[in-house]
């Protein structure tokens, strides 16, 4: 059951990314290839599913291969 759910999440992820790229008319400049723009973010989560479930914070944001922003992970502590 969990494996099927993981597959569904990844299908949704792939479809949403591909459709967004088509909507933005990115054409051949979309995808991980030498010469393509390196625009990406790094989330505070071990995997895509956890990032969705936890609304993970953006740790790093890159545009054309250059770091735009960096956020330190939140420190959580319980005090009793």
PDB file of N, CA and C in Angstrom:
ATOM      1  N   UNK A   1       0.830  -1.204   0.000  1.00  0.00           N
ATOM      2  CA  UNK A   1       0.000   0.000   0.000  1.00  0.00           C
ATOM      3  C   UNK A   1       0.864   1.252   0.000  1.00  0.00           C
ATOM      4  N   UNK A   2       1.892   1.286   0.872  1.00  0.00           N
ATOM      5  CA  UNK A   2       2.759   2.463   0.955  1.00  0.00           C
ATOM      6  C   UNK A   2       3.507   2.672  -0.361  1.00  0.00           C
ATOM      7  N   UNK A   3       3.956   1.577  -0.985  1.00  0.00           N
ATOM      8  CA  UNK A   3       4.676   1.676  -2.245  1.00  0.00           C
ATOM      9  C   UNK A   3       3.777   2.266  -3.342  1.00  0.00           C
ATOM     10  N   UNK A   4       2.506   1.871  -3.363  1.00  0.00           N
ATOM     11  CA  UNK A   4       1.553   2.414  -4.334  1.00  0.00           C
ATOM     12  C   UNK A   4       1.343   3.908  -4.099  1.00  0.00           C
ATOM     13  N   UNK A   5       1.278   4.298  -2.834  1.00  0.00           N
ATOM     14  CA  UNK A   5       1.105   5.717  -2.497  1.00  0.00           C
ATOM     15  C   UNK A   5       2.320   6.516  -2.950  1.00  0.00           C
ATOM     16  N   UNK A   6       3.508   5.963  -2.734  1.00  0.00           N
ATOM     17  CA  UNK A   6       4.735   6.627  -3.177  1.00  0.00           C
ATOM     18  C   UNK A   6       4.745   6.815  -4.687  1.00  0.00           C
ATOM     19  N   UNK A   7       4.296   5.784  -5.414  1.00  0.00           N
ATOM     20  CA  UNK A   7       4.224   5.889  -6.875  1.00  0.00           C
ATOM     21  C   UNK A   7       3.258   6.997  -7.280  1.00  0.00           C
ATOM     22  N   UNK A   8       2.108   7.062  -6.613  1.00  0.00           N
ATOM     23  CA  UNK A   8       1.113   8.095  -6.929  1.00  0.00           C
ATOM     24  C   UNK A   8       1.666   9.488  -6.689  1.00  0.00           C
ATOM     25  N   UNK A   9       2.369   9.661  -5.579  1.00  0.00           N
ATOM     26  CA  UNK A   9       2.954  10.967  -5.263  1.00  0.00           C
ATOM     27  C   UNK A   9       3.971  11.356  -6.326  1.00  0.00           C
ATOM     28  N   UNK A  10       4.800  10.414  -6.748  1.00  0.00           N
ATOM     29  CA  UNK A  10       5.814  10.718  -7.759  1.00  0.00           C
ATOM     30  C   UNK A  10       5.186  11.007  -9.112  1.00  0.00           C
ATOM     31  N   UNK A  11       4.099  10.327  -9.452  1.00  0.00           N
ATOM     32  CA  UNK A  11       3.389  10.612 -10.710  1.00  0.00           C
ATOM     33  C   UNK A  11       2.828  12.022 -10.667  1.00  0.00           C
ATOM     34  N   UNK A  12       2.206  12.390  -9.557  1.00  0.00           N
ATOM     35  CA  UNK A  12       1.664  13.747  -9.404  1.00  0.00           C
ATOM     36  C   UNK A  12       2.787  14.763  -9.526  1.00  0.00           C
ATOM     37  N   UNK A  13       3.917  14.497  -8.886  1.00  0.00           N
ATOM     38  CA  UNK A  13       5.073  15.393  -8.947  1.00  0.00           C
ATOM     39  C   UNK A  13       5.547  15.567 -10.384  1.00  0.00           C
ATOM     40  N   UNK A  14       5.730  14.458 -11.088  1.00  0.00           N
ATOM     41  CA  UNK A  14       6.230  14.517 -12.461  1.00  0.00           C
ATOM     42  C   UNK A  14       5.266  15.237 -13.387  1.00  0.00           C
ATOM     43  N   UNK A  15       3.984  14.949 -13.263  1.00  0.00           N
ATOM     44  CA  UNK A  15       2.982  15.591 -14.109  1.00  0.00           C
ATOM     45  C   UNK A  15       2.928  17.088 -13.838  1.00  0.00           C
ATOM     46  N   UNK A  16       2.947  17.473 -12.571  1.00  0.00           N
ATOM     47  CA  UNK A  16       2.868  18.896 -12.246  1.00  0.00           C
ATOM     48  C   UNK A  16       4.100  19.644 -12.748  1.00  0.00           C
ATOM     49  N   UNK A  17       5.264  19.042 -12.648  1.00  0.00           N
ATOM     50  CA  UNK A  17       6.489  19.689 -13.121  1.00  0.00           C
ATOM     51  C   UNK A  17       6.490  19.786 -14.644  1.00  0.00           C
ATOM     52  N   UNK A  18       6.142  18.700 -15.315  1.00  0.00           N
ATOM     53  CA  UNK A  18       6.131  18.706 -16.780  1.00  0.00           C
ATOM     54  C   UNK A  18       5.094  19.687 -17.315  1.00  0.00           C
ATOM     55  N   UNK A  19       3.903  19.704 -16.710  1.00  0.00           N
ATOM     56  CA  UNK A  19       2.866  20.629 -17.169  1.00  0.00           C
ATOM     57  C   UNK A  19       3.261  22.080 -16.928  1.00  0.00           C
ATOM     58  N   UNK A  20       3.918  22.342 -15.803  1.00  0.00           N
ATOM     59  CA  UNK A  20       4.379  23.709 -15.524  1.00  0.00           C
ATOM     60  C   UNK A  20       5.399  24.133 -16.568  1.00  0.00           C
ATOM     61  N   UNK A  21       6.303  23.252 -16.928  1.00  0.00           N
ATOM     62  CA  UNK A  21       7.320  23.570 -17.937  1.00  0.00           C
ATOM     63  C   UNK A  21       6.674  23.846 -19.289  1.00  0.00           C
ATOM     64  N   UNK A  22       5.659  23.066 -19.653  1.00  0.00           N
ATOM     65  CA  UNK A  22       4.959  23.289 -20.923  1.00  0.00           C
ATOM     66  C   UNK A  22       4.202  24.613 -20.897  1.00  0.00           C
ATOM     67  N   UNK A  23       3.542  24.907 -19.778  1.00  0.00           N
ATOM     68  CA  UNK A  23       2.781  26.149 -19.646  1.00  0.00           C
ATOM     69  C   UNK A  23       3.689  27.365 -19.783  1.00  0.00           C
ATOM     70  N   UNK A  24       4.901  27.257 -19.242  1.00  0.00           N
ATOM     71  CA  UNK A  24       5.860  28.362 -19.301  1.00  0.00           C
ATOM     72  C   UNK A  24       6.645  28.387 -20.612  1.00  0.00           C
ATOM     73  N   UNK A  25       6.319  27.455 -21.528  1.00  0.00           N
ATOM     74  CA  UNK A  25       6.968  27.366 -22.843  1.00  0.00           C
ATOM     75  C   UNK A  25       8.489  27.279 -22.710  1.00  0.00           C
ATOM     76  N   UNK A  26       8.947  26.418 -21.817  1.00  0.00           N
ATOM     77  CA  UNK A  26      10.380  26.284 -21.593  1.00  0.00           C
ATOM     78  C   UNK A  26      11.076  25.447 -22.657  1.00  0.00           C
ATOM     79  N   UNK A  27      10.331  24.575 -23.323  1.00  0.00           N
ATOM     80  CA  UNK A  27      10.894  23.788 -24.417  1.00  0.00           C
ATOM     81  C   UNK A  27      12.157  23.054 -24.045  1.00  0.00           C
ATOM     82  N   UNK A  28      13.194  23.184 -24.874  1.00  0.00           N
ATOM     83  CA  UNK A  28      14.428  22.436 -24.663  1.00  0.00           C
ATOM     84  C   UNK A  28      15.278  23.004 -23.531  1.00  0.00           C
ATOM     85  N   UNK A  29      14.914  24.168 -23.000  1.00  0.00           N
ATOM     86  CA  UNK A  29      15.692  24.711 -21.885  1.00  0.00           C
ATOM     87  C   UNK A  29      15.269  24.109 -20.552  1.00  0.00           C
ATOM     88  N   UNK A  30      14.262  23.210 -20.566  1.00  0.00           N
ATOM     89  CA  UNK A  30      13.820  22.560 -19.335  1.00  0.00           C
ATOM     90  C   UNK A  30      14.534  21.221 -19.183  1.00  0.00           C
ATOM     91  N   UNK A  31      14.970  20.920 -17.995  1.00  0.00           N
ATOM     92  CA  UNK A  31      15.569  19.624 -17.699  1.00  0.00           C
ATOM     93  C   UNK A  31      17.014  19.781 -17.267  1.00  0.00           C
ATOM     94  N   UNK A  32      17.549  18.702 -16.777  1.00  0.00           N
ATOM     95  CA  UNK A  32      18.933  18.724 -16.311  1.00  0.00           C
ATOM     96  C   UNK A  32      19.817  18.323 -17.488  1.00  0.00           C
ATOM     97  N   UNK A  33      20.416  19.340 -18.102  1.00  0.00           N
ATOM     98  CA  UNK A  33      21.308  19.146 -19.243  1.00  0.00           C
ATOM     99  C   UNK A  33      22.396  20.213 -19.197  1.00  0.00           C
ATOM    100  N   UNK A  34      23.551  19.891 -19.732  1.00  0.00           N
ATOM    101  CA  UNK A  34      24.629  20.872 -19.841  1.00  0.00           C
ATOM    102  C   UNK A  34      24.137  22.039 -20.685  1.00  0.00           C
ATOM    103  N   UNK A  35      24.334  23.250 -20.180  1.00  0.00           N
ATOM    104  CA  UNK A  35      23.933  24.448 -20.908  1.00  0.00           C
ATOM    105  C   UNK A  35      22.577  25.000 -20.522  1.00  0.00           C
ATOM    106  N   UNK A  36      21.738  24.198 -19.851  1.00  0.00           N
ATOM    107  CA  UNK A  36      20.434  24.687 -19.403  1.00  0.00           C
ATOM    108  C   UNK A  36      20.603  25.536 -18.146  1.00  0.00           C
ATOM    109  N   UNK A  37      19.669  26.484 -17.916  1.00  0.00           N
ATOM    110  CA  UNK A  37      19.744  27.276 -16.689  1.00  0.00           C
ATOM    111  C   UNK A  37      19.618  26.372 -15.464  1.00  0.00           C
ATOM    112  N   UNK A  38      20.378  26.666 -14.430  1.00  0.00           N
ATOM    113  CA  UNK A  38      20.330  25.870 -13.204  1.00  0.00           C
ATOM    114  C   UNK A  38      19.493  26.624 -12.171  1.00  0.00           C
ATOM    115  N   UNK A  39      18.183  26.558 -12.311  1.00  0.00           N
ATOM    116  CA  UNK A  39      17.253  27.181 -11.378  1.00  0.00           C
ATOM    117  C   UNK A  39      16.638  26.064 -10.535  1.00  0.00           C
ATOM    118  N   UNK A  40      16.876  26.119  -9.217  1.00  0.00           N
ATOM    119  CA  UNK A  40      16.340  25.067  -8.363  1.00  0.00           C
ATOM    120  C   UNK A  40      16.334  25.529  -6.914  1.00  0.00           C
ATOM    121  N   UNK A  41      15.625  24.751  -6.086  1.00  0.00           N
ATOM    122  CA  UNK A  41      15.603  24.999  -4.650  1.00  0.00           C
ATOM    123  C   UNK A  41      15.970  23.706  -3.931  1.00  0.00           C
ATOM    124  N   UNK A  42      16.468  23.848  -2.717  1.00  0.00           N
ATOM    125  CA  UNK A  42      16.757  22.702  -1.856  1.00  0.00           C
ATOM    126  C   UNK A  42      15.873  22.845  -0.626  1.00  0.00           C
ATOM    127  N   UNK A  43      15.061  21.813  -0.391  1.00  0.00           N
ATOM    128  CA  UNK A  43      14.095  21.833   0.709  1.00  0.00           C
ATOM    129  C   UNK A  43      14.629  21.107   1.935  1.00  0.00           C
ATOM    130  N   UNK A  44      14.116  21.473   3.090  1.00  0.00           N
ATOM    131  CA  UNK A  44      14.491  20.851   4.361  1.00  0.00           C
ATOM    132  C   UNK A  44      13.643  19.607   4.578  1.00  0.00           C
ATOM    133  N   UNK A  45      13.936  18.561   3.807  1.00  0.00           N
ATOM    134  CA  UNK A  45      13.197  17.299   3.913  1.00  0.00           C
ATOM    135  C   UNK A  45      14.044  16.187   3.299  1.00  0.00           C
ATOM    136  N   UNK A  46      13.895  14.958   3.792  1.00  0.00           N
ATOM    137  CA  UNK A  46      14.693  13.857   3.261  1.00  0.00           C
ATOM    138  C   UNK A  46      14.244  13.374   1.882  1.00  0.00           C
ATOM    139  N   UNK A  47      12.983  13.648   1.514  1.00  0.00           N
ATOM    140  CA  UNK A  47      12.477  13.216   0.210  1.00  0.00           C
ATOM    141  C   UNK A  47      11.282  14.083  -0.197  1.00  0.00           C
ATOM    142  N   UNK A  48      10.825  13.897  -1.432  1.00  0.00           N
ATOM    143  CA  UNK A  48       9.752  14.723  -1.978  1.00  0.00           C
ATOM    144  C   UNK A  48       8.455  14.580  -1.173  1.00  0.00           C
ATOM    145  N   UNK A  49       8.112  13.354  -0.815  1.00  0.00           N
ATOM    146  CA  UNK A  49       6.863  13.112  -0.082  1.00  0.00           C
ATOM    147  C   UNK A  49       6.876  13.830   1.272  1.00  0.00           C
ATOM    148  N   UNK A  50       7.977  13.757   1.986  1.00  0.00           N
ATOM    149  CA  UNK A  50       8.082  14.459   3.267  1.00  0.00           C
ATOM    150  C   UNK A  50       8.019  15.971   3.074  1.00  0.00           C
ATOM    151  N   UNK A  51       8.606  16.454   2.000  1.00  0.00           N
ATOM    152  CA  UNK A  51       8.562  17.893   1.709  1.00  0.00           C
ATOM    153  C   UNK A  51       7.116  18.356   1.552  1.00  0.00           C
ATOM    154  N   UNK A  52       6.300  17.552   0.876  1.00  0.00           N
ATOM    155  CA  UNK A  52       4.878  17.891   0.714  1.00  0.00           C
ATOM    156  C   UNK A  52       4.127  17.812   2.030  1.00  0.00           C
ATOM    157  N   UNK A  53       4.339  16.726   2.748  1.00  0.00           N
ATOM    158  CA  UNK A  53       3.600  16.506   3.995  1.00  0.00           C
ATOM    159  C   UNK A  53       3.930  17.529   5.070  1.00  0.00           C
ATOM    160  N   UNK A  54       5.181  17.946   5.143  1.00  0.00           N
ATOM    161  CA  UNK A  54       5.619  18.851   6.201  1.00  0.00           C
ATOM    162  C   UNK A  54       5.683  20.310   5.768  1.00  0.00           C
ATOM    163  N   UNK A  55       5.335  20.597   4.516  1.00  0.00           N
ATOM    164  CA  UNK A  55       5.474  21.972   3.997  1.00  0.00           C
ATOM    165  C   UNK A  55       6.885  22.464   4.297  1.00  0.00           C
ATOM    166  N   UNK A  56       7.851  21.708   3.823  1.00  0.00           N
ATOM    167  CA  UNK A  56       9.264  21.943   4.138  1.00  0.00           C
ATOM    168  C   UNK A  56       9.725  23.341   3.741  1.00  0.00           C
ATOM    169  N   UNK A  57      10.586  23.876   4.564  1.00  0.00           N
ATOM    170  CA  UNK A  57      11.163  25.202   4.305  1.00  0.00           C
ATOM    171  C   UNK A  57      12.193  25.114   3.186  1.00  0.00           C
ATOM    172  N   UNK A  58      12.339  26.189   2.451  1.00  0.00           N
ATOM    173  CA  UNK A  58      13.367  26.283   1.423  1.00  0.00           C
ATOM    174  C   UNK A  58      14.684  26.659   2.106  1.00  0.00           C
ATOM    175  N   UNK A  59      15.677  25.782   2.002  1.00  0.00           N
ATOM    176  CA  UNK A  59      16.973  26.047   2.614  1.00  0.00           C
ATOM    177  C   UNK A  59      17.867  26.875   1.697  1.00  0.00           C
ATOM    178  N   UNK A  60      17.841  26.560   0.404  1.00  0.00           N
ATOM    179  CA  UNK A  60      18.657  27.265  -0.583  1.00  0.00           C
ATOM    180  C   UNK A  60      17.829  27.514  -1.832  1.00  0.00           C
ATOM    181  N   UNK A  61      18.070  28.635  -2.463  1.00  0.00           N
ATOM    182  CA  UNK A  61      17.416  28.971  -3.727  1.00  0.00           C
ATOM    183  C   UNK A  61      18.495  29.410  -4.711  1.00  0.00           C
ATOM    184  N   UNK A  62      18.525  28.781  -5.888  1.00  0.00           N
ATOM    185  CA  UNK A  62      19.518  29.082  -6.916  1.00  0.00           C
ATOM    186  C   UNK A  62      18.832  29.561  -8.195  1.00  0.00           C
ATOM    187  N   UNK A  63      19.441  30.510  -8.847  1.00  0.00           N
ATOM    188  CA  UNK A  63      18.961  31.017 -10.140  1.00  0.00           C
ATOM    189  C   UNK A  63      20.164  31.086 -11.061  1.00  0.00           C
ATOM    190  N   UNK A  64      20.063  30.413 -12.191  1.00  0.00           N
ATOM    191  CA  UNK A  64      21.153  30.347 -13.168  1.00  0.00           C
ATOM    192  C   UNK A  64      22.483  29.925 -12.528  1.00  0.00           C
ATOM    193  N   UNK A  65      22.367  28.986 -11.574  1.00  0.00           N
ATOM    194  CA  UNK A  65      23.546  28.424 -10.941  1.00  0.00           C
ATOM    195  C   UNK A  65      24.137  29.239  -9.807  1.00  0.00           C
ATOM    196  N   UNK A  66      23.553  30.402  -9.524  1.00  0.00           N
ATOM    197  CA  UNK A  66      24.068  31.243  -8.432  1.00  0.00           C
ATOM    198  C   UNK A  66      23.100  31.242  -7.258  1.00  0.00           C
ATOM    199  N   UNK A  67      23.659  31.137  -6.070  1.00  0.00           N
ATOM    200  CA  UNK A  67      22.827  31.110  -4.874  1.00  0.00           C
ATOM    201  C   UNK A  67      22.189  32.478  -4.654  1.00  0.00           C
ATOM    202  N   UNK A  68      20.852  32.489  -4.567  1.00  0.00           N
ATOM    203  CA  UNK A  68      20.115  33.719  -4.304  1.00  0.00           C
ATOM    204  C   UNK A  68      19.831  33.906  -2.829  1.00  0.00           C
ATOM    205  N   UNK A  69      19.491  32.806  -2.165  1.00  0.00           N
ATOM    206  CA  UNK A  69      19.073  32.907  -0.767  1.00  0.00           C
ATOM    207  C   UNK A  69      19.436  31.635  -0.021  1.00  0.00           C
ATOM    208  N   UNK A  70      19.663  31.809   1.260  1.00  0.00           N
ATOM    209  CA  UNK A  70      19.946  30.690   2.150  1.00  0.00           C
ATOM    210  C   UNK A  70      19.197  30.922   3.452  1.00  0.00           C
ATOM    211  N   UNK A  71      18.530  29.889   3.925  1.00  0.00           N
ATOM    212  CA  UNK A  71      17.775  29.972   5.169  1.00  0.00           C
ATOM    213  C   UNK A  71      18.296  28.911   6.121  1.00  0.00           C
ATOM    214  N   UNK A  72      18.500  29.280   7.352  1.00  0.00           N
ATOM    215  CA  UNK A  72      18.921  28.293   8.349  1.00  0.00           C
ATOM    216  C   UNK A  72      17.703  27.495   8.803  1.00  0.00           C
ATOM    217  N   UNK A  73      17.875  26.195   8.986  1.00  0.00           N
ATOM    218  CA  UNK A  73      16.747  25.375   9.452  1.00  0.00           C
ATOM    219  C   UNK A  73      16.263  25.859  10.822  1.00  0.00           C
ATOM    220  N   UNK A  74      14.975  25.761  11.028  1.00  0.00           N
ATOM    221  CA  UNK A  74      14.392  26.159  12.314  1.00  0.00           C
ATOM    222  C   UNK A  74      14.855  25.221  13.418  1.00  0.00           C
ATOM    223  N   UNK A  75      15.073  25.774  14.586  1.00  0.00           N
ATOM    224  CA  UNK A  75      15.438  24.975  15.761  1.00  0.00           C
ATOM    225  C   UNK A  75      14.189  24.865  16.614  1.00  0.00           C
ATOM    226  N   UNK A  76      13.775  23.635  16.876  1.00  0.00           N
ATOM    227  CA  UNK A  76      12.563  23.404  17.657  1.00  0.00           C
ATOM    228  C   UNK A  76      12.956  22.789  18.997  1.00  0.00           C
ATOM    229  N   UNK A  77      12.371  23.298  20.084  1.00  0.00           N
ATOM    230  CA  UNK A  77      12.698  22.763  21.408  1.00  0.00           C
ATOM    231  C   UNK A  77      11.433  22.804  22.278  1.00  0.00           C
ATOM    232  N   UNK A  78      11.280  21.783  23.070  1.00  0.00           N
ATOM    233  CA  UNK A  78      10.166  21.735  24.029  1.00  0.00           C
ATOM    234  C   UNK A  78      10.709  22.061  25.405  1.00  0.00           C
ATOM    235  N   UNK A  79       9.984  22.885  26.129  1.00  0.00           N
ATOM    236  CA  UNK A  79      10.391  23.238  27.488  1.00  0.00           C
ATOM    237  C   UNK A  79       9.252  22.863  28.436  1.00  0.00           C
ATOM    238  N   UNK A  80       9.560  21.971  29.349  1.00  0.00           N
ATOM    239  CA  UNK A  80       8.539  21.540  30.316  1.00  0.00           C
ATOM    240  C   UNK A  80       8.865  22.031  31.686  1.00  0.00           C
TER     241      UNK A  80
END
